[in-house]
Amino acid sequence: MKPVRLPAAATLALPRWALFALGLLYILPGLIGREPWKNDDAASFGIMWTMAHGSWQDWLWPNIAGLSWPDEGPLAFWLGALGIKLFGWLLGDVLGARVGTVGIFLLGVLSLWYATFNLGRRQDAQPLRLAFGGQPEPDDFGRTLADAAVLIYLGCLGLLQHSHETTPEALQVSLTALLLYRTVRYVETPSLRNAALSGLAIGLLTLARGWITPVFLMLALFACTRFLAQPAIRALRDLGAMIAVGAVVTALWLAPAQLLAPYHQQPLNAWLGWNWLQLDWPSWTSVKFFFRVGVWFFWPAWPFAGWAVWAWRRQRGVLHIVVPLAFFGMGLLLTLFNPQPEQGQLLVLLPPLAVMAAFGLLTVKRGAINAIDWFSVMALTLCAAVIWVFWFAKLTGWPAQAARNALKLVPGFTPELGWIAFLVALAATLGWFVLVYWRISRQPAVLWRAVVLSSGGLILIWILLMTLFLPDFNYGKSYAGVARQIANKLPAGTRCIESNVGPAQRASLAFYGQLPFAGVEAGRCNVLLLQDSVKVRDDHEIQPQFRGKQWVLLWEGRRPADREERFRLYRRAD
């Protein structure tokens, strides 16, 4: 017997305007006004900026102002560079590159919504018919589940920062959601057309971040056909079609790159080598990483998803469990087989977890839902209150201890009141209290009531951080000030700069200071920029070719918020 009894009143869909507004409130803060920070986001932007302002060779051989970076795949960088080309003149290069980030986010959300909708309106997912009628219609049931899946997806802590970065990981999670949707369509209606569309998603995934993840997810798709007892010959034929289409899409980059050899380089070997480095036998380190990080990374999806598997365990062969569970299983293997697991790899697990979690909501008891709601209200309201207290303290100096704690991470920073940011933060806070009042006073019976507070509260916290404290973050994490100092100290007529700076630093310094770093085919430069730590001796950290009396120190400095990192600018004496 199915574990679900549900009246039609519980399947009231979230208004389209509300879902759209929630998506904008989620994705726009953190994109507008944020400078590239010292992480992969800045490095990825550097590749996009180099492509947009470089030659055709930069589009085929990704590099950061001359620093080769052909490892993952160029698709995310192509989208960002295209955004700079189309919108950079109007929005600036940083925000222009992030136009693609908005599109990538919408692709993931829509794919997840339609995947859940198609699974939810199937007959094997419908709740039991009530004795006197009143059960929901299949389409209404599917829409409600799809809304719930999106809310859970937006409420996952692990997605928050990664979805706002211009990195291949952000594209990978959206394309995983797209492949999940195409898999649902294929398993429902096996055909060469649906196989080809799945192959398109596989090819795009390969161009985004290598072939390892697509191969594992193709195995998940094939496992679904075997578990559902579909004809093996047809499944193998369609799998071959998927591989063929995926290979054609991948060849759109690799074929011209191999034939034209940009900068006398051919990316195939470097790309394949990076891919193989992502595979190794499972280790205790990867197991510990998954459980230690996954507990918070997948919250609040994993409790509901686990309950869904348990609640539907007697219903064998139901697509809404088989398909996402196969994707989750292969994503888990991807993490365990990675010798150096990272958070970006865990993103692949979020779409299938969100789908399963939506079906888990159907059977969660009212008491558990109320407990989750009260936890969300208390924890997230407390976090918001703390953010407001620290913001007030840094502006006024009271409370004194809070002011010291808020400013000690950004020494030399002078806080100022930004009225637009303040009004946006205030409106978001008032909207949170309206949402809490609606949830508590009306006690709605709709299915997605269990996660609307979790998602709304997380969006509130993000908005507060990206408005009230965005100037602090930009001051503490940006290299704009250092870049301008270095540019002012460059000798006249400098044509190229040798350097050992990291990818994120190189991208920021090239963008903000217009520093002419040595290109991919580096030559002999008369200026040297070194990045090191004040705590490490030069002979232990600096490469031998950058030592010696032939270099004359011109400038030394660092970011005010970093007491260890140091930059030194030299000129060749001979």
Protein backbone atom coordinates (compact mmCIF):
# COMPACT_ATOMS: atom_id res chain seq x y z
CA MET A 1 0.00 0.00 0.00
CA LYS A 2 1.21 3.50 -0.79
CA PRO A 3 2.36 5.44 2.27
CA VAL A 4 0.58 8.68 1.30
CA ARG A 5 -2.87 10.06 2.02
CA LEU A 6 -3.29 13.68 1.02
CA PRO A 7 -6.29 15.99 0.51
CA ALA A 8 -6.48 18.38 -2.41
CA ALA A 9 -6.09 21.34 -0.02
CA ALA A 10 -2.49 20.27 0.66
CA THR A 11 -1.49 20.62 -2.99
CA LEU A 12 -1.99 24.33 -3.40
CA ALA A 13 0.90 25.39 -5.62
CA LEU A 14 3.13 28.29 -4.70
CA PRO A 15 2.12 31.31 -6.83
CA ARG A 16 4.38 31.64 -9.87
CA TRP A 17 5.27 35.23 -9.03
CA ALA A 18 6.28 34.17 -5.50
CA LEU A 19 8.54 31.39 -6.78
CA PHE A 20 10.10 33.74 -9.33
CA ALA A 21 10.62 36.47 -6.72
CA LEU A 22 12.17 33.96 -4.33
CA GLY A 23 14.62 32.88 -7.03
CA LEU A 24 15.65 36.48 -7.72
CA LEU A 25 16.05 37.21 -4.01
CA TYR A 26 18.27 34.15 -3.80
CA ILE A 27 20.57 34.73 -6.77
CA LEU A 28 20.95 38.52 -7.15
CA PRO A 29 22.46 39.34 -3.72
CA GLY A 30 26.09 38.35 -3.87
CA LEU A 31 26.31 39.05 -7.59
CA ILE A 32 25.64 42.80 -7.60
CA GLY A 33 28.39 44.90 -6.06
CA ARG A 34 30.66 42.01 -5.06
CA GLU A 35 34.24 42.15 -6.28
CA PRO A 36 36.10 38.96 -7.26
CA TRP A 37 37.43 37.49 -4.01
CA LYS A 38 40.56 35.45 -3.25
CA ASN A 39 39.21 32.06 -4.30
CA ASP A 40 38.18 30.05 -7.36
CA ASP A 41 35.60 32.71 -8.21
CA ALA A 42 38.34 35.25 -8.98
CA ALA A 43 40.38 32.67 -10.90
CA SER A 44 37.40 31.73 -13.07
CA PHE A 45 36.62 35.38 -13.71
CA GLY A 46 40.24 35.85 -14.76
CA ILE A 47 39.86 33.19 -17.47
CA MET A 48 36.62 34.78 -18.69
CA TRP A 49 38.16 38.25 -18.74
CA THR A 50 41.22 36.98 -20.61
CA MET A 51 39.00 35.30 -23.21
CA ALA A 52 36.79 38.35 -23.67
CA HIS A 53 39.73 40.72 -24.19
CA GLY A 54 42.11 38.27 -25.86
CA SER A 55 42.37 36.38 -29.11
CA TRP A 56 40.85 33.17 -30.46
CA GLN A 57 43.71 31.25 -28.86
CA ASP A 58 42.47 32.19 -25.37
CA TRP A 59 39.08 30.65 -26.14
CA LEU A 60 40.67 27.32 -27.08
CA TRP A 61 43.45 27.31 -24.45
CA PRO A 62 41.95 28.72 -21.20
CA ASN A 63 44.44 30.83 -19.26
CA ILE A 64 44.50 33.51 -16.57
CA ALA A 65 46.42 36.44 -18.04
CA GLY A 66 49.00 34.00 -19.41
CA LEU A 67 48.77 31.32 -16.71
CA SER A 68 47.59 28.13 -18.47
CA TRP A 69 44.43 26.53 -17.05
CA PRO A 70 43.18 23.84 -19.46
CA ASP A 71 42.21 21.32 -16.77
CA GLU A 72 38.45 21.26 -16.30
CA GLY A 73 36.78 22.41 -19.50
CA PRO A 74 35.94 25.74 -21.14
CA LEU A 75 32.12 25.86 -21.18
CA ALA A 76 31.61 27.91 -18.00
CA PHE A 77 34.36 30.29 -19.09
CA TRP A 78 32.85 30.66 -22.56
CA LEU A 79 29.52 31.67 -21.04
CA GLY A 80 31.16 34.25 -18.76
CA ALA A 81 33.30 35.66 -21.58
CA LEU A 82 30.22 35.90 -23.79
CA GLY A 83 28.48 37.83 -20.99
CA ILE A 84 31.41 40.26 -20.85
CA LYS A 85 31.31 40.69 -24.62
CA LEU A 86 27.56 41.35 -24.69
CA PHE A 87 26.97 43.23 -21.44
CA GLY A 88 30.37 44.39 -20.22
CA TRP A 89 29.97 47.83 -21.81
CA LEU A 90 26.78 48.36 -19.79
CA LEU A 91 27.28 46.45 -16.54
CA GLY A 92 31.06 46.29 -16.31
CA ASP A 93 33.14 43.19 -16.86
CA VAL A 94 32.58 41.66 -13.39
CA LEU A 95 28.79 41.87 -13.48
CA GLY A 96 28.72 41.09 -17.20
CA ALA A 97 30.45 37.77 -16.50
CA ARG A 98 27.84 37.03 -13.84
CA VAL A 99 24.93 37.34 -16.26
CA GLY A 100 25.82 33.80 -17.25
CA THR A 101 25.70 32.81 -13.58
CA VAL A 102 22.06 33.91 -13.41
CA GLY A 103 21.25 31.89 -16.52
CA ILE A 104 23.04 28.84 -15.13
CA PHE A 105 21.09 29.11 -11.89
CA LEU A 106 17.76 29.38 -13.72
CA LEU A 107 18.65 26.34 -15.84
CA GLY A 108 19.24 24.27 -12.70
CA VAL A 109 16.06 25.41 -10.96
CA LEU A 110 13.85 24.86 -14.01
CA SER A 111 15.36 21.44 -14.70
CA LEU A 112 14.80 20.39 -11.10
CA TRP A 113 11.22 21.70 -11.14
CA TYR A 114 10.27 19.84 -14.33
CA ALA A 115 12.02 16.64 -13.25
CA THR A 116 10.02 16.60 -10.00
CA PHE A 117 6.80 17.64 -11.76
CA ASN A 118 7.04 14.76 -14.24
CA LEU A 119 7.76 12.28 -11.47
CA GLY A 120 5.00 13.66 -9.24
CA ARG A 121 2.18 13.42 -11.76
CA ARG A 122 2.86 9.75 -12.52
CA GLN A 123 0.27 7.26 -11.33
CA ASP A 124 2.71 5.35 -9.12
CA ALA A 125 3.43 8.54 -7.16
CA GLN A 126 -0.19 9.59 -6.55
CA PRO A 127 -1.58 9.44 -3.00
CA LEU A 128 -4.24 6.91 -2.04
CA ARG A 129 -7.75 7.80 -3.08
CA LEU A 130 -9.83 9.06 -0.17
CA ALA A 131 -13.05 7.30 0.77
CA PHE A 132 -15.25 10.31 -0.05
CA GLY A 133 -13.09 11.84 -2.76
CA GLY A 134 -11.17 15.08 -2.49
CA GLN A 135 -7.73 13.73 -3.40
CA PRO A 136 -5.57 16.03 -5.59
CA GLU A 137 -5.40 15.91 -9.36
CA PRO A 138 -2.14 14.47 -10.78
CA ASP A 139 -0.94 17.77 -12.27
CA ASP A 140 -1.71 19.70 -9.07
CA PHE A 141 0.13 17.08 -7.05
CA GLY A 142 3.13 17.27 -9.39
CA ARG A 143 3.28 21.08 -9.22
CA THR A 144 3.20 21.09 -5.43
CA LEU A 145 5.99 18.53 -5.23
CA ALA A 146 8.03 20.51 -7.77
CA ASP A 147 7.61 23.69 -5.71
CA ALA A 148 8.72 21.81 -2.61
CA ALA A 149 11.78 20.42 -4.38
CA VAL A 150 12.85 23.91 -5.48
CA LEU A 151 12.39 25.29 -1.96
CA ILE A 152 14.49 22.45 -0.54
CA TYR A 153 17.13 23.00 -3.22
CA LEU A 154 17.34 26.72 -2.43
CA GLY A 155 17.46 25.96 1.29
CA CYS A 156 20.53 23.69 1.06
CA LEU A 157 23.49 25.31 2.77
CA GLY A 158 26.02 23.84 0.35
CA LEU A 159 24.45 25.47 -2.71
CA LEU A 160 24.42 29.00 -1.32
CA GLN A 161 27.96 30.20 -1.95
CA HIS A 162 28.73 28.00 -4.97
CA SER A 163 25.66 29.15 -6.89
CA HIS A 164 26.87 32.76 -6.69
CA GLU A 165 30.33 32.03 -8.12
CA THR A 166 31.47 32.12 -11.74
CA THR A 167 32.98 28.63 -11.51
CA PRO A 168 32.54 25.35 -13.41
CA GLU A 169 31.06 23.82 -10.24
CA ALA A 170 28.03 26.13 -10.46
CA LEU A 171 27.48 25.03 -14.06
CA GLN A 172 28.04 21.38 -13.19
CA VAL A 173 25.24 21.23 -10.61
CA SER A 174 22.76 22.87 -13.02
CA LEU A 175 23.71 20.49 -15.83
CA THR A 176 23.34 17.58 -13.41
CA ALA A 177 19.79 18.75 -12.77
CA LEU A 178 19.27 18.97 -16.54
CA LEU A 179 20.54 15.41 -17.03
CA LEU A 180 18.31 14.25 -14.18
CA TYR A 181 15.31 15.75 -15.97
CA ARG A 182 16.32 14.22 -19.30
CA THR A 183 16.78 10.85 -17.58
CA VAL A 184 13.25 11.05 -16.18
CA ARG A 185 11.92 11.79 -19.64
CA TYR A 186 13.94 8.97 -21.18
CA VAL A 187 12.92 6.36 -18.59
CA GLU A 188 9.29 7.40 -18.99
CA THR A 189 9.45 7.29 -22.80
CA PRO A 190 12.53 5.47 -24.10
CA SER A 191 13.36 6.72 -27.61
CA LEU A 192 16.34 7.80 -29.67
CA ARG A 193 15.18 11.42 -29.41
CA ASN A 194 15.19 11.36 -25.62
CA ALA A 195 18.50 9.49 -25.67
CA ALA A 196 20.01 12.17 -27.91
CA LEU A 197 18.78 14.94 -25.61
CA SER A 198 20.31 13.11 -22.66
CA GLY A 199 23.53 12.85 -24.68
CA LEU A 200 23.44 16.63 -25.20
CA ALA A 201 23.35 17.13 -21.42
CA ILE A 202 26.20 14.63 -21.05
CA GLY A 203 28.30 16.49 -23.62
CA LEU A 204 27.70 19.83 -21.93
CA LEU A 205 28.68 18.29 -18.58
CA THR A 206 31.88 17.01 -20.14
CA LEU A 207 32.72 20.46 -21.51
CA ALA A 208 31.98 21.97 -18.11
CA ARG A 209 34.16 19.84 -15.83
CA GLY A 210 35.59 16.75 -17.46
CA TRP A 211 34.34 13.29 -18.39
CA ILE A 212 34.44 11.57 -14.97
CA THR A 213 31.09 12.88 -13.67
CA PRO A 214 29.17 12.29 -16.96
CA VAL A 215 30.43 8.69 -17.13
CA PHE A 216 29.24 7.97 -13.60
CA LEU A 217 25.86 9.60 -14.27
CA MET A 218 25.45 7.63 -17.50
CA LEU A 219 25.97 4.51 -15.43
CA ALA A 220 23.21 5.76 -13.12
CA LEU A 221 20.90 6.15 -16.11
CA PHE A 222 21.74 2.66 -17.36
CA ALA A 223 21.19 1.26 -13.84
CA CYS A 224 17.70 2.76 -13.87
CA THR A 225 16.84 0.90 -17.07
CA ARG A 226 18.05 -2.38 -15.58
CA PHE A 227 16.21 -1.90 -12.28
CA LEU A 228 13.01 -1.06 -14.17
CA ALA A 229 13.50 -4.19 -16.35
CA GLN A 230 13.54 -2.31 -19.66
CA PRO A 231 14.86 -4.22 -22.71
CA ALA A 232 18.65 -4.46 -22.45
CA ILE A 233 19.31 -4.26 -26.20
CA ARG A 234 17.33 -1.04 -26.57
CA ALA A 235 19.01 0.42 -23.49
CA LEU A 236 22.48 -0.35 -24.87
CA ARG A 237 21.54 1.11 -28.27
CA ASP A 238 20.31 4.31 -26.66
CA LEU A 239 23.35 4.47 -24.39
CA GLY A 240 25.53 4.33 -27.50
CA ALA A 241 23.53 7.20 -28.99
CA MET A 242 24.06 9.24 -25.80
CA ILE A 243 27.81 8.63 -25.91
CA ALA A 244 27.94 9.59 -29.60
CA VAL A 245 26.07 12.86 -29.07
CA GLY A 246 28.14 13.66 -25.98
CA ALA A 247 31.35 13.00 -27.92
CA VAL A 248 30.25 15.32 -30.74
CA VAL A 249 29.53 18.12 -28.26
CA THR A 250 32.90 17.63 -26.55
CA ALA A 251 34.65 17.64 -29.93
CA LEU A 252 33.41 21.21 -30.50
CA TRP A 253 36.29 22.24 -28.23
CA LEU A 254 38.85 19.46 -28.44
CA ALA A 255 38.89 19.06 -32.23
CA PRO A 256 39.72 22.68 -33.17
CA ALA A 257 42.02 23.00 -30.15
CA GLN A 258 44.03 19.97 -31.25
CA LEU A 259 44.13 21.02 -34.91
CA LEU A 260 44.90 24.72 -34.43
CA ALA A 261 47.22 24.25 -31.41
CA PRO A 262 46.68 27.64 -29.70
CA TYR A 263 49.93 29.01 -28.26
CA HIS A 264 51.52 25.85 -29.70
CA GLN A 265 49.64 23.86 -27.05
CA GLN A 266 47.20 20.96 -27.38
CA PRO A 267 44.81 20.62 -24.43
CA LEU A 268 43.80 16.98 -24.81
CA ASN A 269 46.64 15.46 -22.79
CA ALA A 270 46.44 18.05 -20.00
CA TRP A 271 42.66 17.68 -19.86
CA LEU A 272 42.77 13.87 -19.75
CA GLY A 273 45.53 13.97 -17.15
CA TRP A 274 43.50 16.22 -14.86
CA ASN A 275 40.51 13.92 -15.23
CA TRP A 276 42.48 10.81 -14.25
CA LEU A 277 43.74 12.60 -11.14
CA GLN A 278 40.12 12.74 -9.93
CA LEU A 279 39.98 8.95 -9.57
CA ASP A 280 41.57 6.70 -6.99
CA TRP A 281 40.53 3.93 -4.64
CA PRO A 282 38.22 5.03 -1.78
CA SER A 283 40.01 6.03 1.39
CA TRP A 284 39.07 6.74 4.97
CA THR A 285 39.80 10.41 4.23
CA SER A 286 37.06 10.61 1.59
CA VAL A 287 34.59 8.77 3.84
CA LYS A 288 35.26 11.16 6.72
CA PHE A 289 34.99 14.13 4.36
CA PHE A 290 31.59 13.03 3.10
CA PHE A 291 30.03 12.63 6.53
CA ARG A 292 31.78 15.57 8.16
CA VAL A 293 30.89 18.05 5.42
CA GLY A 294 27.70 16.42 4.16
CA VAL A 295 25.84 16.82 7.46
CA TRP A 296 25.61 20.57 6.97
CA PHE A 297 26.17 20.73 3.19
CA PHE A 298 22.98 18.78 2.39
CA TRP A 299 20.82 20.28 5.16
CA PRO A 300 17.78 20.31 5.16
CA ALA A 301 17.46 17.87 2.23
CA TRP A 302 19.10 14.75 3.66
CA PRO A 303 16.65 14.00 6.55
CA PHE A 304 13.63 14.22 4.22
CA ALA A 305 15.42 12.26 1.46
CA GLY A 306 16.36 9.48 3.87
CA TRP A 307 12.80 9.32 5.14
CA ALA A 308 11.51 9.10 1.56
CA VAL A 309 13.60 6.00 0.85
CA TRP A 310 12.34 4.39 4.06
CA ALA A 311 8.69 5.35 3.56
CA TRP A 312 8.57 4.11 -0.06
CA ARG A 313 10.69 0.99 0.50
CA ARG A 314 7.77 -1.39 -0.17
CA GLN A 315 6.88 0.26 -3.50
CA ARG A 316 9.38 -1.38 -5.85
CA GLY A 317 10.18 0.19 -9.18
CA VAL A 318 8.72 3.66 -8.55
CA LEU A 319 10.56 6.21 -10.69
CA HIS A 320 10.55 9.00 -8.10
CA ILE A 321 12.80 6.87 -5.88
CA VAL A 322 14.74 4.78 -8.42
CA VAL A 323 16.00 7.65 -10.59
CA PRO A 324 17.16 10.12 -7.91
CA LEU A 325 18.54 7.29 -5.75
CA ALA A 326 20.63 6.02 -8.69
CA PHE A 327 21.99 9.53 -9.28
CA PHE A 328 22.70 9.94 -5.58
CA GLY A 329 24.49 6.59 -5.41
CA MET A 330 26.76 7.41 -8.34
CA GLY A 331 27.42 10.88 -6.96
CA LEU A 332 28.42 9.29 -3.66
CA LEU A 333 30.85 6.98 -5.47
CA LEU A 334 32.30 10.01 -7.24
CA THR A 335 33.09 11.54 -3.87
CA LEU A 336 34.51 8.36 -2.37
CA PHE A 337 36.73 7.65 -5.40
CA ASN A 338 38.14 11.18 -5.38
CA PRO A 339 41.59 11.22 -3.73
CA GLN A 340 41.16 14.87 -2.73
CA PRO A 341 37.41 15.37 -2.22
CA GLU A 342 36.14 18.91 -2.28
CA GLN A 343 32.83 20.65 -1.69
CA GLY A 344 32.31 21.31 -5.38
CA GLN A 345 32.01 17.56 -6.02
CA LEU A 346 29.22 17.27 -3.45
CA LEU A 347 27.07 19.66 -5.49
CA VAL A 348 26.25 16.80 -7.88
CA LEU A 349 24.27 15.17 -5.06
CA LEU A 350 21.98 18.14 -4.41
CA PRO A 351 19.44 17.77 -7.30
CA PRO A 352 18.61 14.08 -6.63
CA LEU A 353 18.50 14.73 -2.88
CA ALA A 354 16.06 17.62 -3.38
CA VAL A 355 13.78 15.42 -5.51
CA MET A 356 13.74 12.59 -2.95
CA ALA A 357 13.27 15.08 -0.12
CA ALA A 358 10.14 16.48 -1.79
CA PHE A 359 8.61 12.99 -1.81
CA GLY A 360 9.75 12.48 1.76
CA LEU A 361 7.65 15.46 2.84
CA LEU A 362 4.53 13.48 1.93
CA THR A 363 4.93 11.10 4.85
CA VAL A 364 6.58 13.26 7.53
CA LYS A 365 4.42 13.62 10.63
CA ARG A 366 2.94 17.00 11.53
CA GLY A 367 4.87 17.06 14.80
CA ALA A 368 8.20 16.69 12.98
CA ILE A 369 7.25 19.45 10.54
CA ASN A 370 6.34 21.79 13.40
CA ALA A 371 9.62 21.00 15.15
CA ILE A 372 11.58 21.85 12.00
CA ASP A 373 9.61 25.07 11.61
CA TRP A 374 10.27 26.20 15.17
CA PHE A 375 13.95 25.36 14.85
CA SER A 376 14.13 27.41 11.64
CA VAL A 377 12.32 30.36 13.19
CA MET A 378 14.46 30.46 16.33
CA ALA A 379 17.86 29.69 14.77
CA LEU A 380 17.54 31.89 11.69
CA THR A 381 15.91 34.80 13.53
CA LEU A 382 18.73 34.68 16.07
CA CYS A 383 21.33 34.70 13.29
CA ALA A 384 19.63 37.68 11.64
CA ALA A 385 19.53 39.53 14.96
CA VAL A 386 23.25 38.91 15.52
CA ILE A 387 24.05 40.28 12.06
CA TRP A 388 22.02 43.42 12.75
CA VAL A 389 23.73 43.91 16.15
CA PHE A 390 27.22 43.64 14.66
CA TRP A 391 26.28 46.00 11.82
CA PHE A 392 24.95 48.58 14.29
CA ALA A 393 28.03 48.14 16.48
CA LYS A 394 30.54 48.68 13.68
CA LEU A 395 28.80 51.96 12.71
CA THR A 396 28.25 53.39 16.19
CA GLY A 397 30.89 51.69 18.34
CA TRP A 398 28.26 50.31 20.72
CA PRO A 399 28.23 47.63 22.06
CA ALA A 400 32.00 48.11 22.28
CA GLN A 401 32.93 44.41 22.29
CA ALA A 402 30.76 43.68 19.25
CA ALA A 403 32.31 46.66 17.43
CA ARG A 404 35.84 45.41 18.14
CA ASN A 405 34.95 41.91 16.95
CA ALA A 406 33.35 43.24 13.77
CA LEU A 407 36.31 45.45 12.82
CA LYS A 408 39.29 43.38 13.89
CA LEU A 409 39.02 41.23 10.75
CA VAL A 410 39.23 44.33 8.50
CA PRO A 411 41.95 46.55 10.04
CA GLY A 412 42.01 50.01 8.54
CA PHE A 413 38.45 49.77 7.21
CA THR A 414 36.15 52.76 7.81
CA PRO A 415 32.46 51.70 7.94
CA GLU A 416 29.91 53.91 6.22
CA LEU A 417 26.13 53.78 6.07
CA GLY A 418 24.92 52.67 2.65
CA TRP A 419 21.29 53.68 2.43
CA ILE A 420 20.34 51.41 -0.46
CA ALA A 421 21.90 48.38 1.20
CA PHE A 422 20.25 49.29 4.51
CA LEU A 423 16.79 49.62 2.94
CA VAL A 424 17.14 46.31 1.09
CA ALA A 425 18.21 44.56 4.30
CA LEU A 426 15.36 46.16 6.25
CA ALA A 427 12.79 45.14 3.63
CA ALA A 428 14.11 41.56 3.67
CA THR A 429 13.89 41.44 7.46
CA LEU A 430 10.32 42.73 7.48
CA GLY A 431 9.44 40.19 4.79
CA TRP A 432 10.83 37.44 7.04
CA PHE A 433 8.56 38.46 9.91
CA VAL A 434 5.57 38.55 7.55
CA LEU A 435 6.42 35.03 6.37
CA VAL A 436 6.77 33.76 9.95
CA TYR A 437 3.45 35.36 10.93
CA TRP A 438 1.70 33.80 7.92
CA ARG A 439 3.11 30.36 8.75
CA ILE A 440 2.27 30.49 12.47
CA SER A 441 -1.08 32.26 12.37
CA ARG A 442 -2.69 30.42 9.47
CA GLN A 443 -1.18 26.94 9.97
CA PRO A 444 -1.44 26.22 6.21
CA ALA A 445 -1.95 22.63 5.15
CA VAL A 446 0.08 22.95 1.95
CA LEU A 447 2.84 20.40 1.47
CA TRP A 448 5.70 22.89 1.10
CA ARG A 449 4.98 24.56 4.45
CA ALA A 450 7.67 22.39 6.06
CA VAL A 451 10.51 23.97 4.10
CA VAL A 452 9.37 27.49 3.26
CA LEU A 453 10.75 28.91 6.52
CA SER A 454 14.09 27.14 6.14
CA SER A 455 14.53 28.47 2.60
CA GLY A 456 13.22 31.94 3.40
CA GLY A 457 15.41 32.27 6.49
CA LEU A 458 18.54 31.21 4.63
CA ILE A 459 17.81 33.75 1.90
CA LEU A 460 17.35 36.41 4.59
CA ILE A 461 20.76 35.64 6.13
CA TRP A 462 22.43 35.80 2.72
CA ILE A 463 20.75 39.11 1.86
CA LEU A 464 21.84 40.64 5.18
CA LEU A 465 25.44 39.53 4.69
CA MET A 466 25.55 40.69 1.06
CA THR A 467 24.13 44.13 1.88
CA LEU A 468 25.15 45.18 5.40
CA PHE A 469 28.60 43.57 5.31
CA LEU A 470 29.41 43.55 1.59
CA PRO A 471 31.83 46.53 1.86
CA ASP A 472 33.65 44.69 4.66
CA PHE A 473 33.96 41.51 2.58
CA ASN A 474 35.16 43.44 -0.47
CA TYR A 475 37.77 45.24 1.63
CA GLY A 476 39.01 42.06 3.28
CA LYS A 477 38.96 39.67 0.31
CA SER A 478 39.66 41.85 -2.73
CA TYR A 479 43.06 42.60 -4.28
CA ALA A 480 41.92 45.84 -5.92
CA GLY A 481 43.95 48.10 -3.58
CA VAL A 482 47.15 46.06 -3.91
CA ALA A 483 46.75 45.94 -7.70
CA ARG A 484 46.60 49.73 -7.94
CA GLN A 485 49.63 50.13 -5.68
CA ILE A 486 51.67 47.76 -7.85
CA ALA A 487 50.54 49.49 -11.05
CA ASN A 488 51.73 52.84 -9.68
CA LYS A 489 55.19 51.39 -8.91
CA LEU A 490 55.79 49.74 -12.27
CA PRO A 491 58.80 51.13 -14.17
CA ALA A 492 57.90 53.09 -17.29
CA GLY A 493 57.78 50.98 -20.41
CA THR A 494 57.22 47.65 -18.64
CA ARG A 495 56.20 45.11 -21.27
CA CYS A 496 55.83 41.96 -19.20
CA ILE A 497 56.00 40.76 -15.61
CA GLU A 498 57.25 37.40 -14.41
CA SER A 499 55.40 36.20 -11.33
CA ASN A 500 54.65 33.29 -9.03
CA VAL A 501 51.28 34.63 -7.81
CA GLY A 502 48.37 32.19 -7.57
CA PRO A 503 45.46 32.02 -10.03
CA ALA A 504 43.02 34.16 -8.01
CA GLN A 505 45.65 36.80 -7.28
CA ARG A 506 46.87 36.87 -10.88
CA ALA A 507 43.32 37.38 -12.16
CA SER A 508 42.57 40.22 -9.71
CA LEU A 509 45.90 42.00 -10.26
CA ALA A 510 45.57 41.77 -14.03
CA PHE A 511 42.01 43.09 -13.96
CA TYR A 512 42.30 45.87 -11.39
CA GLY A 513 45.87 46.95 -12.10
CA GLN A 514 46.06 46.06 -15.81
CA LEU A 515 49.40 44.40 -15.03
CA PRO A 516 51.06 42.96 -18.17
CA PHE A 517 51.88 39.47 -16.95
CA ALA A 518 54.00 37.22 -19.13
CA GLY A 519 51.87 35.30 -21.62
CA VAL A 520 51.45 31.58 -22.12
CA GLU A 521 54.61 31.53 -24.24
CA ALA A 522 56.59 33.38 -21.59
CA GLY A 523 59.70 35.32 -22.56
CA ARG A 524 62.40 37.10 -20.58
CA CYS A 525 60.88 39.90 -18.47
CA ASN A 526 62.71 42.69 -16.66
CA VAL A 527 60.12 43.00 -13.88
CA LEU A 528 59.31 40.37 -11.25
CA LEU A 529 56.34 40.20 -8.86
CA LEU A 530 56.65 37.71 -6.01
CA GLN A 531 53.95 36.51 -3.65
CA ASP A 532 55.08 34.81 -0.46
CA SER A 533 54.47 34.56 3.27
CA VAL A 534 56.29 36.58 5.89
CA LYS A 535 56.48 33.42 8.03
CA VAL A 536 58.42 31.34 5.49
CA ARG A 537 62.07 31.89 4.56
CA ASP A 538 62.68 32.92 0.96
CA ASP A 539 65.00 30.00 0.26
CA HIS A 540 62.22 27.61 1.29
CA GLU A 541 59.41 29.26 -0.67
CA ILE A 542 60.76 31.23 -3.63
CA GLN A 543 61.90 29.34 -6.71
CA PRO A 544 65.68 29.42 -7.40
CA GLN A 545 65.38 31.40 -10.65
CA PHE A 546 63.78 34.26 -8.73
CA ARG A 547 66.63 34.62 -6.24
CA GLY A 548 69.85 36.56 -6.56
CA LYS A 549 71.33 40.03 -6.67
CA GLN A 550 70.13 40.65 -10.22
CA TRP A 551 66.75 41.70 -8.80
CA VAL A 552 66.36 45.19 -7.24
CA LEU A 553 63.43 45.70 -4.87
CA LEU A 554 61.02 48.46 -5.98
CA TRP A 555 58.02 47.96 -3.68
CA GLU A 556 56.72 45.75 -0.91
CA GLY A 557 53.15 45.57 0.42
CA ARG A 558 50.13 43.49 1.31
CA ARG A 559 46.41 43.67 1.81
CA PRO A 560 45.53 45.31 5.16
CA ALA A 561 43.33 42.35 6.15
CA ASP A 562 46.07 39.73 5.60
CA ARG A 563 49.09 39.88 7.91
CA GLU A 564 50.91 36.90 6.40
CA GLU A 565 50.64 37.30 2.63
CA ARG A 566 53.20 39.63 1.07
CA PHE A 567 53.91 41.00 -2.40
CA ARG A 568 57.29 42.27 -3.58
CA LEU A 569 58.01 44.02 -6.88
CA TYR A 570 61.51 43.78 -8.40
CA ARG A 571 63.35 45.15 -11.43
CA ARG A 572 66.13 43.28 -13.18
CA ALA A 573 69.42 45.07 -12.62
CA ASP A 574 71.32 43.66 -15.59
